[in-house]
Protein backbone atom coordinates (compact mmCIF):
# COMPACT_ATOMS: atom_id res chain seq x y z
CA MET A 1 3.18 -36.61 30.22
CA PRO A 2 4.57 -38.68 32.97
CA HIS A 3 7.68 -41.38 31.95
CA ARG A 4 6.34 -44.58 32.17
CA THR A 5 8.07 -47.49 33.29
CA ASP A 6 9.19 -49.84 30.47
CA PRO A 7 6.08 -52.32 29.70
CA ASP A 8 8.75 -55.26 29.16
CA ALA A 9 10.65 -54.82 32.16
CA PRO A 10 10.90 -57.91 34.47
CA GLY A 11 8.06 -58.00 36.95
CA ALA A 12 5.75 -55.21 34.99
CA LEU A 13 2.12 -55.55 35.14
CA PRO A 14 0.35 -56.57 31.48
CA THR A 15 -0.19 -53.69 29.25
CA ASP A 16 -3.53 -52.88 27.56
CA TRP A 17 -2.18 -52.17 24.08
CA HIS A 18 -5.08 -51.65 22.39
CA ALA A 19 -5.91 -48.77 24.91
CA GLN A 20 -2.30 -47.54 24.64
CA GLU A 21 -2.69 -47.28 20.81
CA LEU A 22 -6.06 -45.39 21.12
CA LEU A 23 -4.47 -43.03 23.85
CA LEU A 24 -1.49 -42.11 21.11
CA MET A 25 -3.90 -41.59 18.39
CA ARG A 26 -6.48 -39.41 20.99
CA GLU A 27 -3.17 -37.50 21.73
CA VAL A 28 -1.70 -37.22 18.48
CA MET A 29 -5.18 -35.71 17.13
CA LYS A 30 -5.19 -33.12 19.78
CA LEU A 31 -2.01 -32.02 18.88
CA VAL A 32 -3.14 -31.51 15.31
CA GLY A 33 -6.33 -30.13 16.26
CA ARG A 34 -4.20 -27.13 18.35
CA SER A 35 -1.55 -26.58 15.71
CA LEU A 36 -0.92 -27.60 12.03
CA ALA A 37 2.60 -26.63 12.22
CA PRO A 38 4.58 -30.15 11.53
CA ALA A 39 7.79 -29.61 13.60
CA TYR A 40 5.63 -29.48 16.46
CA VAL A 41 3.11 -32.23 16.03
CA LEU A 42 6.17 -34.70 14.60
CA ARG A 43 8.22 -34.20 17.46
CA GLU A 44 5.36 -34.97 19.78
CA MET A 45 4.21 -38.03 18.07
CA LEU A 46 7.62 -39.57 18.17
CA HIS A 47 7.68 -38.89 22.10
CA LEU A 48 4.17 -40.60 22.59
CA MET A 49 5.82 -43.56 20.40
CA SER A 50 8.48 -44.31 22.76
CA GLU A 51 6.13 -43.31 26.19
CA LEU A 52 3.40 -45.29 25.43
CA LEU A 53 4.42 -48.27 22.78
CA GLY A 54 7.85 -48.25 23.56
CA LEU A 55 9.14 -47.41 19.88
CA ASN A 56 12.39 -45.77 20.90
CA ARG A 57 14.72 -43.32 19.12
CA GLY A 58 12.21 -42.31 16.48
CA ARG A 59 13.28 -40.17 13.74
CA MET A 60 11.89 -38.30 10.73
CA VAL A 61 14.35 -38.37 7.95
CA LEU A 62 13.31 -35.86 5.38
CA ALA A 63 14.72 -35.12 1.86
CA ASP A 64 17.36 -31.97 1.59
CA GLU A 65 17.57 -29.87 -1.06
CA VAL A 66 19.05 -30.72 -4.02
CA ALA A 67 21.68 -28.11 -5.70
CA GLU A 68 21.81 -28.59 -9.49
CA GLY A 69 23.74 -31.73 -10.42
CA GLY A 70 24.10 -32.62 -6.53
CA GLU A 71 23.51 -36.01 -4.93
CA ARG A 72 20.14 -36.71 -3.24
CA THR A 73 20.57 -36.49 0.67
CA ALA A 74 17.95 -36.72 3.70
CA SER A 75 18.62 -35.54 7.09
CA VAL A 76 17.29 -36.27 10.46
CA ARG A 77 15.01 -33.28 11.16
CA HIS A 78 12.94 -34.31 13.79
CA ALA A 79 13.78 -36.95 16.96
CA TYR A 80 12.97 -38.30 20.30
CA GLY A 81 15.71 -40.09 22.30
CA LEU A 82 18.54 -38.79 20.17
CA THR A 83 21.02 -36.17 21.26
CA ALA A 84 21.90 -33.43 19.21
CA PRO A 85 24.95 -34.81 17.77
CA GLU A 86 23.44 -38.23 17.18
CA ALA A 87 20.85 -36.45 15.13
CA ALA A 88 23.46 -34.19 13.50
CA ARG A 89 25.23 -37.75 12.15
CA GLY A 90 21.91 -38.98 10.59
CA VAL A 91 22.38 -37.92 7.06
CA PHE A 92 21.84 -40.52 4.34
CA ARG A 93 22.36 -40.84 0.73
CA TRP A 94 19.46 -42.45 -1.61
CA GLY A 95 19.96 -46.02 -1.37
CA GLU A 96 22.79 -45.78 1.47
CA GLY A 97 21.92 -48.05 4.50
CA ILE A 98 18.66 -49.26 5.42
CA THR A 99 17.23 -45.72 5.58
CA GLY A 100 18.60 -44.98 2.28
CA ARG A 101 16.94 -48.43 0.93
CA VAL A 102 13.89 -47.08 1.90
CA LEU A 103 14.12 -43.69 0.38
CA ALA A 104 14.97 -44.78 -2.74
CA SER A 105 12.58 -47.84 -3.02
CA GLY A 106 9.53 -46.03 -1.27
CA LEU A 107 9.21 -49.63 0.71
CA PRO A 108 9.13 -50.31 4.24
CA ALA A 109 11.99 -52.11 5.66
CA ILE A 110 12.25 -54.60 9.21
CA VAL A 111 15.59 -55.33 10.56
CA GLN A 112 14.81 -58.21 13.44
CA ASP A 113 18.51 -57.70 14.67
CA VAL A 114 20.60 -54.62 13.72
CA ASP A 115 23.76 -56.48 14.51
CA ALA A 116 22.67 -59.31 12.04
CA GLU A 117 22.20 -56.91 9.28
CA PRO A 118 25.28 -55.58 7.16
CA LEU A 119 23.15 -52.73 5.80
CA PHE A 120 22.94 -51.00 9.19
CA LEU A 121 25.19 -48.38 9.44
CA PHE A 122 24.81 -47.50 13.40
CA ARG A 123 25.23 -43.88 11.90
CA THR A 124 23.29 -41.84 14.73
CA VAL A 125 23.94 -44.11 17.54
CA ALA A 126 26.71 -46.46 18.34
CA ARG A 127 25.97 -50.21 19.22
CA ALA A 128 27.46 -49.44 22.55
CA ASP A 129 24.68 -46.82 23.41
CA LEU A 130 21.80 -49.28 22.59
CA PRO A 131 20.46 -51.77 24.92
CA PRO A 132 22.34 -55.36 25.29
CA GLN A 133 19.19 -56.79 24.25
CA THR A 134 18.32 -57.87 20.57
CA VAL A 135 17.51 -54.45 18.86
CA ALA A 136 15.04 -54.45 16.29
CA PHE A 137 14.71 -51.59 13.68
CA ILE A 138 11.48 -50.29 11.68
CA ALA A 139 11.73 -48.08 8.70
CA LEU A 140 8.30 -46.61 6.92
CA PRO A 141 8.51 -44.42 4.01
CA ILE A 142 6.50 -40.89 4.14
CA GLU A 143 4.93 -40.08 0.79
CA VAL A 144 3.51 -37.07 -0.34
CA ASN A 145 1.64 -36.85 -3.72
CA GLY A 146 3.22 -40.36 -4.39
CA ALA A 147 6.69 -39.67 -4.06
CA THR A 148 8.93 -40.73 -1.19
CA VAL A 149 10.08 -37.79 1.01
CA GLY A 150 11.05 -39.28 3.87
CA VAL A 151 11.29 -42.05 6.44
CA LEU A 152 9.78 -42.82 9.63
CA ALA A 153 11.96 -45.02 11.76
CA CYS A 154 12.48 -46.28 15.48
CA HIS A 155 14.10 -48.95 17.39
CA ARG A 156 12.31 -51.55 19.14
CA ILE A 157 13.29 -54.25 21.45
CA ARG A 158 12.56 -57.36 19.88
CA SER A 159 11.64 -59.74 22.95
CA ARG A 160 8.49 -57.77 24.01
CA GLN A 161 4.95 -58.75 24.74
CA ARG A 162 3.40 -57.18 21.61
CA HIS A 163 3.01 -58.39 18.14
CA LEU A 164 5.34 -56.76 15.36
CA ASN A 165 2.53 -56.66 13.07
CA ASP A 166 0.79 -54.36 15.45
CA ASP A 167 3.57 -51.79 15.45
CA LEU A 168 3.38 -51.97 11.78
CA ALA A 169 -0.17 -51.02 11.53
CA LEU A 170 0.38 -48.47 13.63
CA LEU A 171 3.47 -46.84 12.35
CA ARG A 172 1.83 -47.04 8.98
CA ILE A 173 -0.88 -44.70 10.15
CA LEU A 174 1.60 -42.49 11.67
CA ALA A 175 3.70 -42.12 8.49
CA THR A 176 0.44 -41.48 6.53
CA LEU A 177 -0.50 -38.69 8.97
CA ALA A 178 3.09 -37.22 8.71
CA GLY A 179 2.77 -37.32 4.80
CA GLN A 180 -0.41 -35.35 5.04
CA LEU A 181 1.03 -32.66 7.45
CA LEU A 182 4.30 -32.32 5.18
CA ARG A 183 1.91 -31.87 2.34
CA LEU A 184 -0.33 -29.43 4.03
CA GLU A 185 2.85 -27.23 5.09
CA GLN A 186 3.91 -27.59 1.31
CA LEU A 187 0.53 -25.96 0.36
CA VAL A 188 0.69 -23.40 3.25
CA ALA A 189 4.28 -22.36 2.04
CA GLU A 190 3.43 -22.01 -1.46
CA GLU A 191 0.20 -20.06 -0.76
CA THR A 192 2.52 -17.83 1.22
CA ARG A 193 4.96 -17.34 -1.48
CA GLN A 194 1.75 -16.83 -4.23
CA LEU A 195 0.46 -14.23 -1.87
CA ALA A 196 3.88 -12.75 -1.25
CA ALA A 197 4.35 -12.68 -5.10
CA ARG A 198 0.96 -11.02 -5.21
CA ASN A 199 1.42 -8.66 -2.68
CA GLU A 200 5.08 -7.51 -4.65
CA ALA A 201 3.18 -7.17 -7.76
CA LEU A 202 0.40 -4.98 -6.05
CA GLU A 203 2.73 -2.73 -4.50
CA ARG A 204 4.79 -2.35 -7.81
CA ALA A 205 1.57 -1.81 -9.83
CA LEU A 206 0.75 0.77 -7.27
CA ASP A 207 4.05 2.53 -7.36
CA VAL A 208 3.68 2.35 -11.03
CA GLY A 209 0.25 3.51 -11.16
CA SER A 210 1.03 6.41 -8.78
CA ALA A 211 3.82 7.15 -10.65
CA ARG A 212 2.17 7.32 -13.95
CA TYR A 213 -0.55 9.77 -12.67
CA GLY A 214 2.52 12.02 -10.71
CA LEU A 215 0.59 11.05 -7.40
CA ILE A 216 2.83 10.18 -4.42
CA GLY A 217 1.86 7.87 -1.73
CA ARG A 218 0.41 4.62 -0.44
CA SER A 219 -1.92 5.67 2.27
CA PRO A 220 -5.39 3.84 2.37
CA ALA A 221 -7.26 7.20 1.95
CA LEU A 222 -5.28 8.00 -1.02
CA LEU A 223 -5.35 4.77 -2.84
CA GLN A 224 -9.03 4.59 -2.28
CA ALA A 225 -9.67 7.93 -4.07
CA LEU A 226 -7.29 6.67 -6.80
CA SER A 227 -9.23 3.15 -6.97
CA GLU A 228 -12.41 5.00 -7.58
CA LEU A 229 -11.10 7.46 -10.20
CA GLU A 230 -9.72 4.39 -12.03
CA ARG A 231 -13.14 2.73 -11.88
CA VAL A 232 -14.88 5.47 -13.44
CA SER A 233 -12.01 6.70 -15.77
CA GLN A 234 -13.31 4.80 -18.95
CA SER A 235 -16.81 6.24 -18.65
CA GLN A 236 -18.16 9.40 -19.91
CA ALA A 237 -19.63 10.71 -16.49
CA THR A 238 -18.58 14.00 -15.01
CA VAL A 239 -16.37 13.82 -12.23
CA LEU A 240 -16.37 16.10 -9.47
CA LEU A 241 -13.45 16.46 -7.28
CA LEU A 242 -14.11 17.47 -3.73
CA GLY A 243 -11.81 18.64 -1.13
CA GLU A 244 -9.71 21.02 0.58
CA SER A 245 -7.38 23.83 -1.27
CA GLY A 246 -4.06 22.27 -1.99
CA THR A 247 -5.09 18.51 -1.90
CA GLY A 248 -3.86 17.77 -5.64
CA LYS A 249 -7.05 18.34 -7.90
CA GLU A 250 -5.42 19.22 -10.95
CA LEU A 251 -3.25 15.70 -10.21
CA PHE A 252 -6.13 13.97 -9.87
CA ALA A 253 -7.81 15.54 -12.89
CA ARG A 254 -4.95 14.93 -15.08
CA ALA A 255 -5.34 11.12 -13.73
CA VAL A 256 -8.83 10.69 -14.77
CA HIS A 257 -7.81 11.95 -18.40
CA LEU A 258 -4.65 9.62 -18.51
CA ALA A 259 -6.71 6.91 -17.25
CA SER A 260 -9.62 7.51 -19.97
CA GLY A 261 -9.69 6.44 -23.77
CA ARG A 262 -9.15 10.42 -24.04
CA ARG A 263 -5.31 10.34 -23.01
CA ASP A 264 -4.25 10.98 -26.47
CA GLN A 265 -6.32 13.96 -26.82
CA PRO A 266 -6.18 17.63 -25.39
CA PHE A 267 -6.68 18.14 -21.32
CA ILE A 268 -7.48 21.41 -21.09
CA LYS A 269 -7.53 23.07 -17.42
CA VAL A 270 -9.63 26.14 -16.63
CA ASN A 271 -9.19 28.12 -13.07
CA CYS A 272 -12.62 29.74 -13.08
CA SER A 273 -11.55 31.96 -9.88
CA ALA A 274 -8.73 33.60 -11.92
CA ILE A 275 -11.32 34.70 -14.76
CA PRO A 276 -13.07 37.88 -14.50
CA ASP A 277 -16.52 37.99 -14.83
CA THR A 278 -16.55 39.80 -17.84
CA LEU A 279 -14.42 37.27 -19.74
CA PHE A 280 -16.06 34.15 -18.42
CA GLU A 281 -17.99 33.54 -21.73
CA SER A 282 -15.58 34.39 -24.12
CA GLU A 283 -12.92 32.18 -22.37
CA LEU A 284 -15.20 29.06 -21.88
CA PHE A 285 -17.21 29.46 -25.28
CA GLY A 286 -15.29 31.32 -27.46
CA HIS A 287 -16.29 34.41 -29.47
CA GLU A 288 -16.62 35.62 -33.03
CA ARG A 289 -15.19 38.46 -34.63
CA GLY A 290 -17.00 41.90 -33.69
CA ALA A 291 -18.74 40.37 -30.84
CA PHE A 292 -17.30 42.88 -28.69
CA THR A 293 -14.64 46.08 -28.68
CA GLY A 294 -11.34 44.42 -29.52
CA ALA A 295 -12.55 41.15 -30.96
CA HIS A 296 -10.52 41.47 -34.29
CA SER A 297 -10.92 37.77 -34.89
CA ALA A 298 -12.89 34.87 -34.23
CA ARG A 299 -11.32 32.66 -31.32
CA PRO A 300 -12.20 29.31 -29.99
CA GLY A 301 -12.78 28.99 -26.54
CA TRP A 302 -11.80 26.40 -23.98
CA PHE A 303 -14.77 24.22 -24.40
CA GLU A 304 -13.74 23.66 -28.44
CA GLN A 305 -10.04 23.55 -27.62
CA ALA A 306 -10.75 20.57 -25.47
CA HIS A 307 -12.82 18.90 -28.14
CA GLY A 308 -12.14 14.79 -28.10
CA GLY A 309 -10.40 15.19 -24.94
CA THR A 310 -11.00 16.47 -21.34
CA ILE A 311 -11.62 19.83 -19.78
CA PHE A 312 -11.02 20.61 -16.05
CA LEU A 313 -12.70 23.31 -14.45
CA ASP A 314 -10.90 24.03 -11.16
CA GLU A 315 -12.98 26.20 -8.76
CA ILE A 316 -16.42 25.72 -10.31
CA GLY A 317 -18.26 27.28 -7.39
CA GLU A 318 -16.88 30.66 -8.52
CA LEU A 319 -18.65 30.19 -12.05
CA PRO A 320 -21.25 33.35 -12.24
CA LEU A 321 -24.89 32.49 -11.87
CA ALA A 322 -25.56 33.72 -15.40
CA LEU A 323 -23.05 31.50 -17.09
CA GLN A 324 -24.09 28.31 -15.14
CA ALA A 325 -27.12 27.97 -17.28
CA LYS A 326 -25.00 28.13 -20.54
CA LEU A 327 -22.79 25.84 -19.04
CA LEU A 328 -25.35 23.31 -18.17
CA ARG A 329 -26.72 23.19 -21.85
CA THR A 330 -23.36 22.61 -23.12
CA LEU A 331 -22.91 19.61 -20.50
CA GLN A 332 -26.35 18.10 -21.61
CA GLU A 333 -26.50 18.91 -25.40
CA GLY A 334 -22.91 18.72 -26.30
CA THR A 335 -23.32 21.91 -28.25
CA LEU A 336 -22.18 25.65 -27.66
CA VAL A 337 -22.86 28.92 -29.16
CA ARG A 338 -19.74 31.44 -29.37
CA LEU A 339 -20.25 34.94 -27.76
CA GLY A 340 -21.77 37.03 -30.81
CA GLY A 341 -22.48 33.86 -32.93
CA GLN A 342 -25.49 32.16 -34.26
CA ARG A 343 -24.76 28.72 -35.03
CA GLU A 344 -24.35 25.92 -32.81
CA ILE A 345 -21.03 24.11 -32.57
CA ARG A 346 -20.89 20.55 -31.46
CA VAL A 347 -18.31 19.63 -28.81
CA ASP A 348 -17.08 16.48 -27.54
CA VAL A 349 -15.56 16.91 -24.16
CA ARG A 350 -15.43 15.20 -20.90
CA LEU A 351 -15.72 17.74 -17.83
CA VAL A 352 -13.81 16.82 -14.42
CA ALA A 353 -14.72 20.00 -12.05
CA ALA A 354 -13.52 20.61 -8.68
CA THR A 355 -14.16 22.94 -5.49
CA HIS A 356 -13.44 23.38 -2.16
CA ARG A 357 -16.81 24.91 -1.68
CA ASP A 358 -20.01 22.88 -0.31
CA LEU A 359 -21.75 23.00 -3.51
CA ALA A 360 -24.97 21.45 -2.01
CA GLN A 361 -24.96 24.27 0.68
CA GLU A 362 -24.15 26.82 -1.93
CA ALA A 363 -27.08 25.38 -4.15
CA ALA A 364 -29.40 25.41 -1.18
CA ALA A 365 -28.48 29.10 -0.49
CA GLY A 366 -29.18 30.19 -4.05
CA ARG A 367 -25.61 31.02 -4.94
CA PHE A 368 -25.27 27.90 -7.50
CA ARG A 369 -27.71 26.46 -9.84
CA GLN A 370 -29.12 23.19 -8.15
CA ASP A 371 -29.79 21.57 -11.40
CA LEU A 372 -25.96 22.26 -12.64
CA TYR A 373 -25.12 20.75 -9.27
CA TYR A 374 -27.10 17.72 -10.08
CA ARG A 375 -25.20 17.41 -13.39
CA LEU A 376 -21.72 17.82 -12.00
CA ASN A 377 -22.36 15.63 -8.74
CA VAL A 378 -22.76 12.47 -10.98
CA ILE A 379 -19.44 10.93 -9.83
CA PRO A 380 -18.23 12.79 -6.71
CA ILE A 381 -14.79 11.68 -5.49
CA ARG A 382 -13.11 13.27 -2.14
CA LEU A 383 -9.71 13.85 -1.90
CA PRO A 384 -8.33 13.30 1.19
CA SER A 385 -6.03 16.53 3.24
CA LEU A 386 -2.68 15.69 4.23
CA ARG A 387 -3.46 15.18 7.74
CA GLU A 388 -5.72 12.34 6.88
CA ARG A 389 -2.82 10.56 5.07
CA ARG A 390 0.28 11.33 7.26
CA GLU A 391 1.70 8.16 6.42
CA ASP A 392 2.47 9.99 2.97
CA ILE A 393 4.14 13.02 4.36
CA ARG A 394 7.66 11.45 4.41
CA PRO A 395 7.74 10.15 0.66
CA LEU A 396 6.45 13.73 -0.26
CA ALA A 397 8.61 15.64 1.64
CA LEU A 398 11.56 13.45 0.14
CA HIS A 399 10.05 14.09 -3.09
CA PHE A 400 9.97 17.87 -2.93
CA THR A 401 13.25 18.06 -1.46
CA SER A 402 14.63 15.99 -4.49
CA ARG A 403 12.77 18.17 -6.99
CA ALA A 404 14.22 21.57 -5.18
CA ASN A 405 17.65 20.32 -4.82
CA GLN A 406 17.70 19.72 -8.72
CA ALA A 407 15.87 22.82 -9.40
CA HIS A 408 18.15 25.27 -7.48
CA GLN A 409 21.30 23.29 -7.46
CA ARG A 410 21.65 22.53 -3.87
CA ASN A 411 22.23 19.68 -1.93
CA VAL A 412 19.92 19.60 1.36
CA HIS A 413 18.58 16.74 2.76
CA LEU A 414 15.93 16.06 5.69
CA ALA A 415 17.33 14.08 8.89
CA ALA A 416 14.72 11.50 10.20
CA ASP A 417 13.90 13.41 13.20
CA ALA A 418 13.04 16.31 10.92
CA LEU A 419 10.85 13.96 8.60
CA GLU A 420 9.16 12.91 11.94
CA ARG A 421 8.64 16.50 12.66
CA LEU A 422 6.85 17.33 9.35
CA GLU A 423 4.62 14.00 10.16
CA ARG A 424 3.18 15.65 13.03
CA LEU A 425 2.04 18.75 11.71
CA ASP A 426 -1.62 19.28 10.43
CA TRP A 427 -0.81 21.27 7.12
CA PRO A 428 -3.88 23.38 6.58
CA GLY A 429 -2.63 24.35 3.34
CA ASN A 430 -2.22 20.42 2.45
CA ILE A 431 0.33 19.32 0.06
CA ARG A 432 0.96 22.74 -1.58
CA GLU A 433 2.08 24.40 1.58
CA LEU A 434 4.03 21.23 2.22
CA GLY A 435 5.95 21.97 -1.19
CA ASN A 436 6.33 25.32 0.07
CA VAL A 437 8.09 24.76 3.12
CA ILE A 438 10.28 22.23 1.70
CA GLU A 439 11.22 24.54 -1.09
CA ARG A 440 12.12 27.29 1.67
CA VAL A 441 14.04 24.79 3.70
CA VAL A 442 16.34 23.77 0.53
CA LEU A 443 16.75 27.49 -0.26
CA LEU A 444 17.69 28.75 3.06
CA ALA A 445 19.42 25.91 5.28
CA ASP A 446 22.82 26.57 6.45
CA GLN A 447 23.69 22.84 6.71
CA PRO A 448 23.51 20.12 4.26
CA VAL A 449 21.57 18.01 6.96
CA VAL A 450 18.46 19.58 8.21
CA HIS A 451 17.20 18.40 11.84
CA ALA A 452 14.07 18.74 13.55
CA GLY A 453 15.45 21.52 15.49
CA ASP A 454 16.38 23.61 12.49
CA LEU A 455 12.91 23.47 11.23
CA SER A 456 11.30 25.97 13.48
CA ARG A 457 11.95 29.03 11.30
CA PHE A 458 11.00 27.35 7.94
CA LEU A 459 7.59 26.54 9.46
CA PRO A 460 4.66 28.29 8.97
CA GLU A 461 3.79 29.09 12.60
CA ALA A 462 6.79 30.83 12.82
CA LEU A 463 6.38 33.29 10.21
CA PRO A 464 5.20 36.84 11.31
CA THR A 465 1.99 37.88 10.16
CA PRO A 466 2.50 40.55 7.34
CA PRO A 467 1.78 44.00 8.69
CA ARG A 468 -1.72 45.60 7.01
CA PRO A 469 -0.68 48.66 5.31
CA ALA A 470 -2.40 52.11 6.86
CA PRO A 471 -3.94 53.90 3.99
CA ARG A 472 -1.78 56.39 1.98
CA GLN A 473 0.51 56.81 4.60
CA ALA A 474 2.62 53.35 3.67
CA PRO A 475 6.32 53.69 1.60
CA PRO A 476 6.16 52.80 -2.04
CA ALA A 477 5.47 49.34 -3.14
CA GLU A 478 9.20 48.96 -4.13
CA THR A 479 10.12 49.09 -0.12
CA THR A 480 7.17 46.65 0.76
CA ALA A 481 8.69 43.19 1.10
CA ALA A 482 6.52 40.05 0.79
CA PRO A 483 7.08 36.99 2.73
CA LEU A 484 9.38 34.44 1.12
CA VAL A 485 6.68 31.78 1.49
CA ARG A 486 3.28 32.79 2.23
CA PRO A 487 1.62 31.22 5.21
CA TYR A 488 -1.59 29.43 4.56
CA GLN A 489 -4.34 31.79 4.90
CA SER A 490 -8.45 31.00 5.07
CA ALA A 491 -10.60 32.54 2.40
CA ASP A 492 -12.18 35.04 5.30
CA SER A 493 -8.59 36.69 6.05
CA HIS A 494 -9.04 39.67 5.06
CA ASP A 495 -12.19 42.20 5.28
CA ALA A 496 -13.50 44.38 2.74
CA GLN A 497 -11.72 47.73 4.39
CA THR A 498 -8.45 45.81 4.36
CA LEU A 499 -8.62 44.95 0.69
CA GLN A 500 -9.91 48.73 -0.35
CA ALA A 501 -6.99 50.04 1.86
CA ALA A 502 -4.46 48.03 -0.17
CA LEU A 503 -6.24 48.89 -3.38
CA ALA A 504 -6.00 52.42 -2.65
CA GLN A 505 -2.37 52.37 -1.08
CA HIS A 506 -1.06 50.94 -4.61
CA GLY A 507 -3.06 53.12 -7.14
CA GLY A 508 -5.64 50.10 -7.86
CA ASN A 509 -2.85 47.91 -8.97
CA GLN A 510 -3.87 44.52 -7.70
CA SER A 511 -0.79 42.42 -8.53
CA ARG A 512 1.08 44.71 -6.08
CA ALA A 513 -1.59 45.24 -3.34
CA ALA A 514 -1.94 41.32 -3.23
CA GLN A 515 1.68 41.20 -2.85
CA SER A 516 1.62 43.70 0.48
CA LEU A 517 -1.31 41.35 1.90
CA GLY A 518 1.01 38.29 1.24
CA LEU A 519 -1.68 37.07 -0.96
CA THR A 520 -1.58 35.43 -4.59
CA LEU A 521 -3.34 37.55 -7.31
CA ARG A 522 -5.68 34.67 -7.44
CA GLN A 523 -6.25 35.03 -3.70
CA PHE A 524 -6.65 38.49 -3.83
CA SER A 525 -9.22 38.82 -6.63
CA TYR A 526 -11.37 35.81 -5.13
CA ARG A 527 -11.65 37.98 -1.74
CA LEU A 528 -12.22 41.07 -3.67
CA ARG A 529 -15.09 39.36 -5.22
CA LYS A 530 -16.42 37.86 -1.91
CA ALA A 531 -16.38 40.87 -0.23
CA GLY A 532 -18.34 42.63 -2.94
CA VAL A 533 -15.63 45.09 -3.91
CA ARG A 534 -15.37 46.72 -7.34
């Protein structure tokens, strides 16, 4: 706004003070509409008071923070027409001078002549720096919730063509507006503090919750799965965990158990892909004495052992079709019959199942019972792959590093660039693959600090593909070395001929055959069944 000529200067044209007041209020309201930040609005308000109405050297004196046992003071926080050193001198104790008296009493003060008022301190502006005319001083209290928190004050040439009461009326409005803006600032600050405290509490709760379940990370995908888990944990509904291999299904299944009212009861985990077909029924439902050759005594199955608690059936897609009907009946009726038995045994078990297969597709193809699929698919929870939660790779890598250091009495650490490189990888084997790589790094690192360039020889893509053995010409199993860390391999990585050749080479020993192909026994057995090799 261009600088105005002093309306009280000799020869100045008469001023329409009412129009000036309306203009000031309109401009102030525009400021409030553009910004609710008190500092900006109050400073411009003081500017307009000087430019439009000749109320000069306006200042907002606001209460300071009070130290315990300290004296109450107030300082100039916003000003127009005061230099920085002048504003810095504007500090007043409660009851000190005209400003301090307004702070203490909450009543306005009007000084008709600052030279004739003994309480006027000239603290901010020396008398020599004021106009030679008679100078008046007006100070009004600024209140928030009925308490005086500051003072709106200004200088005024006494001999002016404008009534003092008009200035007082306008200043009262502006002081009230200032109080409202300060109150709004307090409310926003308090809300911000509460939100910050709530966010901090939420982060602590998430940390405590994930630590309680053994889960590491704060990615939205992980927290979404954890939120779904906790919402259904108190129910008795069957939970079906879906997702790729290595995403931590067992940890989630245990989390369902720990978050439920069954937390103090047994948690039984069963890997369906590791049980031979002939032993499935006996393992799950138990057997009576004499049920088969070698059954010298009765034995409760996994369902009976989980009575009152939770049973986790991992890789439930591997369950034989013949046994799926019996499992369905147990889930629906809450009873089972041991192998070779006659009487029904009642069991109270909550089922958590997991699979990396598409059970809907398996059911449509006739490889999985549709009625069992519908019974399992009550609460499906999809677990995110590691590439969907890249922000969790760093804390997971640090966790695995710490765990491997403790387990192997090493002191190896990952540099920031190494962590960044790990975050960029896709990790098809997910958390399991990451944990294996980190353990290998800790065991084989030559230096205490591993950088990005040092990771190449430890990463899966740098590992050589294990050679496929030639039938009957390979050296004995004792001389066939398996890789230190098995790379991730898909379920179709070996055909039936290769599997048969490995078995023939090692005299039918599945453990040695699996080792020669870089597979675990569980992976080897699964591929045998899938390929139809007996």
